[in-house]
Amino acid sequence: MAAHRKYPEELRERATRMALDARKDPATRTGAFKRIGEQLGVHPEALRTWMSRAEVDQRQVNWHFTTSDARIKLRHLYPEH
């Protein structure tokens, strides 16, 4: 059973795109999470988490995290975890 999400998926995607774009430009990078969060009614830490996940999924960072696709596959293979 899927967990209840506080924010709709469309809002998460839009906020993530806006944050990724803002972080590319040094002029808009500072305070991007707070500013975008206030504009869209999203908590800045939620936005930071979504953006981190998006960076891992897009392989923009070289961290040792599992991508969302891989995590979904693992859930199907091992549903008890």
C-alpha atoms as a PDB file:
ATOM      1  CA  MET A   1       0.000   0.000   0.000  1.00  0.00           C
ATOM      2  CA  ALA A   2       1.378   3.413  -0.980  1.00  0.00           C
ATOM      3  CA  ALA A   3       1.994   5.992   1.711  1.00  0.00           C
ATOM      4  CA  HIS A   4      -0.173   9.113   1.843  1.00  0.00           C
ATOM      5  CA  ARG A   5       1.664  12.099   0.407  1.00  0.00           C
ATOM      6  CA  LYS A   6       1.163  15.605   1.698  1.00  0.00           C
ATOM      7  CA  TYR A   7       1.935  17.244  -1.654  1.00  0.00           C
ATOM      8  CA  PRO A   8       0.541  16.240  -5.075  1.00  0.00           C
ATOM      9  CA  GLU A   9       3.034  14.738  -7.528  1.00  0.00           C
ATOM     10  CA  GLU A  10       2.573  17.612 -10.014  1.00  0.00           C
ATOM     11  CA  LEU A  11       3.530  20.122  -7.320  1.00  0.00           C
ATOM     12  CA  ARG A  12       6.572  18.061  -6.349  1.00  0.00           C
ATOM     13  CA  GLU A  13       7.722  17.897  -9.976  1.00  0.00           C
ATOM     14  CA  ARG A  14       7.180  21.626 -10.577  1.00  0.00           C
ATOM     15  CA  ALA A  15       8.927  22.650  -7.366  1.00  0.00           C
ATOM     16  CA  THR A  16      11.843  20.335  -8.112  1.00  0.00           C
ATOM     17  CA  ARG A  17      12.259  21.733 -11.639  1.00  0.00           C
ATOM     18  CA  MET A  18      12.152  25.291 -10.302  1.00  0.00           C
ATOM     19  CA  ALA A  19      14.751  24.496  -7.632  1.00  0.00           C
ATOM     20  CA  LEU A  20      17.064  22.738 -10.090  1.00  0.00           C
ATOM     21  CA  ASP A  21      16.887  25.747 -12.430  1.00  0.00           C
ATOM     22  CA  ALA A  22      17.415  28.248  -9.607  1.00  0.00           C
ATOM     23  CA  ARG A  23      20.449  26.350  -8.294  1.00  0.00           C
ATOM     24  CA  LYS A  24      22.140  26.449 -11.720  1.00  0.00           C
ATOM     25  CA  ASP A  25      22.303  30.257 -11.673  1.00  0.00           C
ATOM     26  CA  PRO A  26      24.616  31.777  -9.019  1.00  0.00           C
ATOM     27  CA  ALA A  27      22.363  34.859  -8.856  1.00  0.00           C
ATOM     28  CA  THR A  28      19.317  32.810  -7.775  1.00  0.00           C
ATOM     29  CA  ARG A  29      21.069  29.952  -5.952  1.00  0.00           C
ATOM     30  CA  THR A  30      21.135  31.493  -2.482  1.00  0.00           C
ATOM     31  CA  GLY A  31      17.840  31.022  -0.673  1.00  0.00           C
ATOM     32  CA  ALA A  32      16.276  29.074  -3.547  1.00  0.00           C
ATOM     33  CA  PHE A  33      14.587  26.462  -1.345  1.00  0.00           C
ATOM     34  CA  LYS A  34      13.027  29.041   0.961  1.00  0.00           C
ATOM     35  CA  ARG A  35      11.953  31.370  -1.859  1.00  0.00           C
ATOM     36  CA  ILE A  36      10.431  28.651  -4.051  1.00  0.00           C
ATOM     37  CA  GLY A  37       8.882  26.938  -1.043  1.00  0.00           C
ATOM     38  CA  GLU A  38       7.116  30.160  -0.061  1.00  0.00           C
ATOM     39  CA  GLN A  39       5.901  30.738  -3.631  1.00  0.00           C
ATOM     40  CA  LEU A  40       4.406  27.243  -3.897  1.00  0.00           C
ATOM     41  CA  GLY A  41       3.408  26.585  -0.284  1.00  0.00           C
ATOM     42  CA  VAL A  42       6.006  23.834   0.199  1.00  0.00           C
ATOM     43  CA  HIS A  43       8.228  23.409   3.230  1.00  0.00           C
ATOM     44  CA  PRO A  44      11.834  24.244   2.208  1.00  0.00           C
ATOM     45  CA  GLU A  45      13.203  21.014   3.700  1.00  0.00           C
ATOM     46  CA  ALA A  46      10.712  18.955   1.694  1.00  0.00           C
ATOM     47  CA  LEU A  47      11.883  20.753  -1.428  1.00  0.00           C
ATOM     48  CA  ARG A  48      15.533  20.133  -0.520  1.00  0.00           C
ATOM     49  CA  THR A  49      14.801  16.410  -0.140  1.00  0.00           C
ATOM     50  CA  TRP A  50      12.984  16.235  -3.483  1.00  0.00           C
ATOM     51  CA  MET A  51      15.810  18.031  -5.244  1.00  0.00           C
ATOM     52  CA  SER A  52      18.447  15.758  -3.728  1.00  0.00           C
ATOM     53  CA  ARG A  53      16.487  12.733  -4.938  1.00  0.00           C
ATOM     54  CA  ALA A  54      16.129  14.283  -8.414  1.00  0.00           C
ATOM     55  CA  GLU A  55      19.883  14.884  -8.599  1.00  0.00           C
ATOM     56  CA  VAL A  56      20.563  11.251  -7.684  1.00  0.00           C
ATOM     57  CA  ASP A  57      17.959  10.033 -10.189  1.00  0.00           C
ATOM     58  CA  GLN A  58      19.479  12.195 -12.928  1.00  0.00           C
ATOM     59  CA  ARG A  59      22.959  11.055 -11.917  1.00  0.00           C
ATOM     60  CA  GLN A  60      24.053  14.670 -11.402  1.00  0.00           C
ATOM     61  CA  VAL A  61      25.798  13.714  -8.197  1.00  0.00           C
ATOM     62  CA  ASN A  62      28.089  10.795  -7.515  1.00  0.00           C
ATOM     63  CA  TRP A  63      26.600   9.639  -4.225  1.00  0.00           C
ATOM     64  CA  HIS A  64      26.069   6.089  -3.070  1.00  0.00           C
ATOM     65  CA  PHE A  65      22.287   6.291  -3.061  1.00  0.00           C
ATOM     66  CA  THR A  66      19.817   4.065  -4.811  1.00  0.00           C
ATOM     67  CA  THR A  67      17.853   5.728  -7.611  1.00  0.00           C
ATOM     68  CA  SER A  68      14.063   5.822  -7.379  1.00  0.00           C
ATOM     69  CA  ASP A  69      13.704   3.260 -10.175  1.00  0.00           C
ATOM     70  CA  ALA A  70      16.056   0.831  -8.476  1.00  0.00           C
ATOM     71  CA  ARG A  71      14.299   1.346  -5.144  1.00  0.00           C
ATOM     72  CA  ILE A  72      10.912   0.493  -6.730  1.00  0.00           C
ATOM     73  CA  LYS A  73      12.361  -2.680  -8.262  1.00  0.00           C
ATOM     74  CA  LEU A  74      13.818  -3.683  -4.901  1.00  0.00           C
ATOM     75  CA  ARG A  75      10.448  -3.156  -3.213  1.00  0.00           C
ATOM     76  CA  HIS A  76       8.841  -5.541  -5.711  1.00  0.00           C
ATOM     77  CA  LEU A  77      11.570  -8.140  -5.164  1.00  0.00           C
ATOM     78  CA  TYR A  78      11.557  -7.836  -1.377  1.00  0.00           C
ATOM     79  CA  PRO A  79       8.093  -6.586  -0.307  1.00  0.00           C
ATOM     80  CA  GLU A  80       8.603  -7.509   3.357  1.00  0.00           C
ATOM     81  CA  HIS A  81      11.317  -4.840   3.846  1.00  0.00           C
END
